[in-house]
Amino acid sequence: MLNFKKIRQLREQAGLSVTELAGKVYVNYSMISKIEAGVKSPSVELLKRIADCLCVKVDELLLEG
């Protein structure tokens, strides 16, 4: 299960805005906003790009806590 809060937390720790992260992973800022809000789930490929951008393994985005 995707840990939506973790994505936001890691993005903020990296000093990235929603718009900046979106640009780095080649999606619209609204997609990142929806993912962080738990409204939309990313594709596996997008999840990999987000993890790479945030310098974490995909597993870290899937674990609760």
N, C-alpha and C. Protein backbone atom coordinates (compact mmCIF):
# COMPACT_ATOMS: atom_id res chain seq x y z
N MET A 1 0.84 -1.19 0.00
CA MET A 1 0.00 0.00 0.00
C MET A 1 0.88 1.25 0.00
N LEU A 2 0.50 2.21 -0.77
CA LEU A 2 1.28 3.44 -0.90
C LEU A 2 1.11 4.31 0.35
N ASN A 3 2.21 4.82 0.83
CA ASN A 3 2.20 5.71 1.98
C ASN A 3 2.21 7.15 1.46
N PHE A 4 1.03 7.73 1.29
CA PHE A 4 0.88 9.06 0.71
C PHE A 4 1.60 10.12 1.54
N LYS A 5 1.49 10.01 2.85
CA LYS A 5 2.11 11.00 3.73
C LYS A 5 3.63 10.98 3.60
N LYS A 6 4.18 9.80 3.38
CA LYS A 6 5.63 9.65 3.26
C LYS A 6 6.15 10.40 2.04
N ILE A 7 5.40 10.35 0.93
CA ILE A 7 5.82 11.05 -0.28
C ILE A 7 5.89 12.55 0.00
N ARG A 8 4.88 13.08 0.63
CA ARG A 8 4.88 14.52 0.96
C ARG A 8 6.04 14.85 1.90
N GLN A 9 6.22 14.03 2.92
CA GLN A 9 7.29 14.26 3.89
C GLN A 9 8.66 14.27 3.21
N LEU A 10 8.92 13.29 2.36
CA LEU A 10 10.21 13.21 1.68
C LEU A 10 10.39 14.37 0.69
N ARG A 11 9.32 14.76 0.02
CA ARG A 11 9.40 15.89 -0.90
C ARG A 11 9.77 17.16 -0.16
N GLU A 12 9.11 17.38 0.98
CA GLU A 12 9.39 18.57 1.77
C GLU A 12 10.81 18.54 2.33
N GLN A 13 11.27 17.37 2.77
CA GLN A 13 12.63 17.24 3.28
C GLN A 13 13.66 17.53 2.19
N ALA A 14 13.30 17.19 0.95
CA ALA A 14 14.20 17.45 -0.18
C ALA A 14 14.15 18.91 -0.61
N GLY A 15 13.25 19.69 -0.01
CA GLY A 15 13.14 21.10 -0.33
C GLY A 15 12.48 21.36 -1.68
N LEU A 16 11.63 20.42 -2.10
CA LEU A 16 10.96 20.54 -3.39
C LEU A 16 9.50 20.94 -3.21
N SER A 17 9.04 21.81 -4.08
CA SER A 17 7.61 22.12 -4.11
C SER A 17 6.91 21.03 -4.91
N VAL A 18 5.61 21.01 -4.87
CA VAL A 18 4.83 20.06 -5.67
C VAL A 18 5.16 20.26 -7.15
N THR A 19 5.23 21.50 -7.57
CA THR A 19 5.52 21.82 -8.96
C THR A 19 6.91 21.34 -9.37
N GLU A 20 7.89 21.53 -8.48
CA GLU A 20 9.26 21.09 -8.79
C GLU A 20 9.35 19.57 -8.92
N LEU A 21 8.73 18.85 -7.99
CA LEU A 21 8.74 17.39 -8.08
C LEU A 21 8.03 16.93 -9.35
N ALA A 22 6.92 17.53 -9.64
CA ALA A 22 6.17 17.17 -10.84
C ALA A 22 7.03 17.33 -12.09
N GLY A 23 7.75 18.43 -12.18
CA GLY A 23 8.61 18.67 -13.33
C GLY A 23 9.71 17.64 -13.44
N LYS A 24 10.27 17.24 -12.31
CA LYS A 24 11.37 16.28 -12.31
C LYS A 24 10.91 14.87 -12.71
N VAL A 25 9.63 14.56 -12.47
CA VAL A 25 9.13 13.21 -12.81
C VAL A 25 8.19 13.24 -14.02
N TYR A 26 8.14 14.39 -14.69
CA TYR A 26 7.43 14.53 -15.97
C TYR A 26 5.91 14.35 -15.89
N VAL A 27 5.31 14.93 -14.85
CA VAL A 27 3.85 14.93 -14.76
C VAL A 27 3.39 16.33 -14.38
N ASN A 28 2.09 16.57 -14.47
CA ASN A 28 1.48 17.83 -14.08
C ASN A 28 1.49 17.93 -12.55
N TYR A 29 1.61 19.15 -12.04
CA TYR A 29 1.63 19.32 -10.58
C TYR A 29 0.36 18.77 -9.92
N SER A 30 -0.76 18.80 -10.63
CA SER A 30 -2.00 18.31 -10.03
C SER A 30 -1.93 16.80 -9.77
N MET A 31 -1.16 16.08 -10.58
CA MET A 31 -1.01 14.64 -10.37
C MET A 31 -0.29 14.38 -9.04
N ILE A 32 0.77 15.12 -8.77
CA ILE A 32 1.49 14.96 -7.50
C ILE A 32 0.58 15.36 -6.34
N SER A 33 -0.17 16.43 -6.49
CA SER A 33 -1.09 16.86 -5.43
C SER A 33 -2.11 15.77 -5.14
N LYS A 34 -2.65 15.15 -6.17
CA LYS A 34 -3.64 14.09 -6.00
C LYS A 34 -3.03 12.85 -5.36
N ILE A 35 -1.79 12.54 -5.73
CA ILE A 35 -1.11 11.39 -5.13
C ILE A 35 -0.89 11.65 -3.64
N GLU A 36 -0.39 12.83 -3.31
CA GLU A 36 -0.12 13.16 -1.90
C GLU A 36 -1.40 13.22 -1.08
N ALA A 37 -2.51 13.55 -1.70
CA ALA A 37 -3.80 13.61 -1.00
C ALA A 37 -4.46 12.25 -0.92
N GLY A 38 -3.90 11.26 -1.60
CA GLY A 38 -4.49 9.92 -1.58
C GLY A 38 -5.67 9.76 -2.51
N VAL A 39 -5.84 10.72 -3.42
CA VAL A 39 -6.96 10.69 -4.36
C VAL A 39 -6.64 9.80 -5.56
N LYS A 40 -5.37 9.78 -5.93
CA LYS A 40 -4.95 9.04 -7.11
C LYS A 40 -3.71 8.22 -6.79
N SER A 41 -3.61 7.04 -7.37
CA SER A 41 -2.43 6.20 -7.19
C SER A 41 -1.55 6.31 -8.43
N PRO A 42 -0.24 6.42 -8.23
CA PRO A 42 0.66 6.52 -9.37
C PRO A 42 0.86 5.16 -10.04
N SER A 43 1.23 5.19 -11.30
CA SER A 43 1.61 3.96 -11.99
C SER A 43 2.92 3.48 -11.37
N VAL A 44 3.27 2.25 -11.64
CA VAL A 44 4.52 1.70 -11.14
C VAL A 44 5.70 2.52 -11.67
N GLU A 45 5.64 2.88 -12.94
CA GLU A 45 6.73 3.67 -13.54
C GLU A 45 6.85 5.04 -12.88
N LEU A 46 5.73 5.70 -12.63
CA LEU A 46 5.77 7.00 -11.97
C LEU A 46 6.27 6.85 -10.53
N LEU A 47 5.86 5.82 -9.86
CA LEU A 47 6.33 5.59 -8.50
C LEU A 47 7.85 5.42 -8.47
N LYS A 48 8.39 4.72 -9.45
CA LYS A 48 9.85 4.56 -9.55
C LYS A 48 10.53 5.90 -9.78
N ARG A 49 9.96 6.74 -10.64
CA ARG A 49 10.55 8.06 -10.91
C ARG A 49 10.51 8.94 -9.67
N ILE A 50 9.40 8.87 -8.93
CA ILE A 50 9.29 9.65 -7.70
C ILE A 50 10.34 9.19 -6.69
N ALA A 51 10.46 7.89 -6.51
CA ALA A 51 11.45 7.34 -5.58
C ALA A 51 12.86 7.76 -5.97
N ASP A 52 13.18 7.66 -7.25
CA ASP A 52 14.51 8.06 -7.72
C ASP A 52 14.77 9.54 -7.43
N CYS A 53 13.80 10.36 -7.70
CA CYS A 53 13.93 11.80 -7.49
C CYS A 53 14.13 12.13 -6.01
N LEU A 54 13.47 11.37 -5.15
CA LEU A 54 13.55 11.61 -3.71
C LEU A 54 14.69 10.83 -3.05
N CYS A 55 15.47 10.11 -3.89
CA CYS A 55 16.64 9.35 -3.42
C CYS A 55 16.28 8.29 -2.39
N VAL A 56 15.20 7.58 -2.64
CA VAL A 56 14.79 6.48 -1.78
C VAL A 56 14.42 5.29 -2.66
N LYS A 57 14.30 4.14 -2.03
CA LYS A 57 13.84 2.95 -2.74
C LYS A 57 12.31 2.97 -2.77
N VAL A 58 11.74 2.36 -3.78
CA VAL A 58 10.28 2.30 -3.90
C VAL A 58 9.67 1.73 -2.63
N ASP A 59 10.33 0.75 -2.04
CA ASP A 59 9.84 0.12 -0.80
C ASP A 59 9.52 1.15 0.28
N GLU A 60 10.34 2.20 0.37
CA GLU A 60 10.13 3.21 1.39
C GLU A 60 8.84 4.00 1.19
N LEU A 61 8.37 4.04 -0.05
CA LEU A 61 7.12 4.73 -0.34
C LEU A 61 5.92 3.83 -0.13
N LEU A 62 6.18 2.54 0.01
CA LEU A 62 5.09 1.58 0.16
C LEU A 62 4.85 1.20 1.62
N LEU A 63 5.82 1.39 2.44
CA LEU A 63 5.71 0.99 3.84
C LEU A 63 4.92 2.00 4.65
N GLU A 64 4.10 1.52 5.53
CA GLU A 64 3.35 2.41 6.43
C GLU A 64 4.28 2.87 7.53
N GLY A 65 4.03 4.08 8.01
CA GLY A 65 4.79 4.58 9.14
C GLY A 65 5.75 5.67 8.82
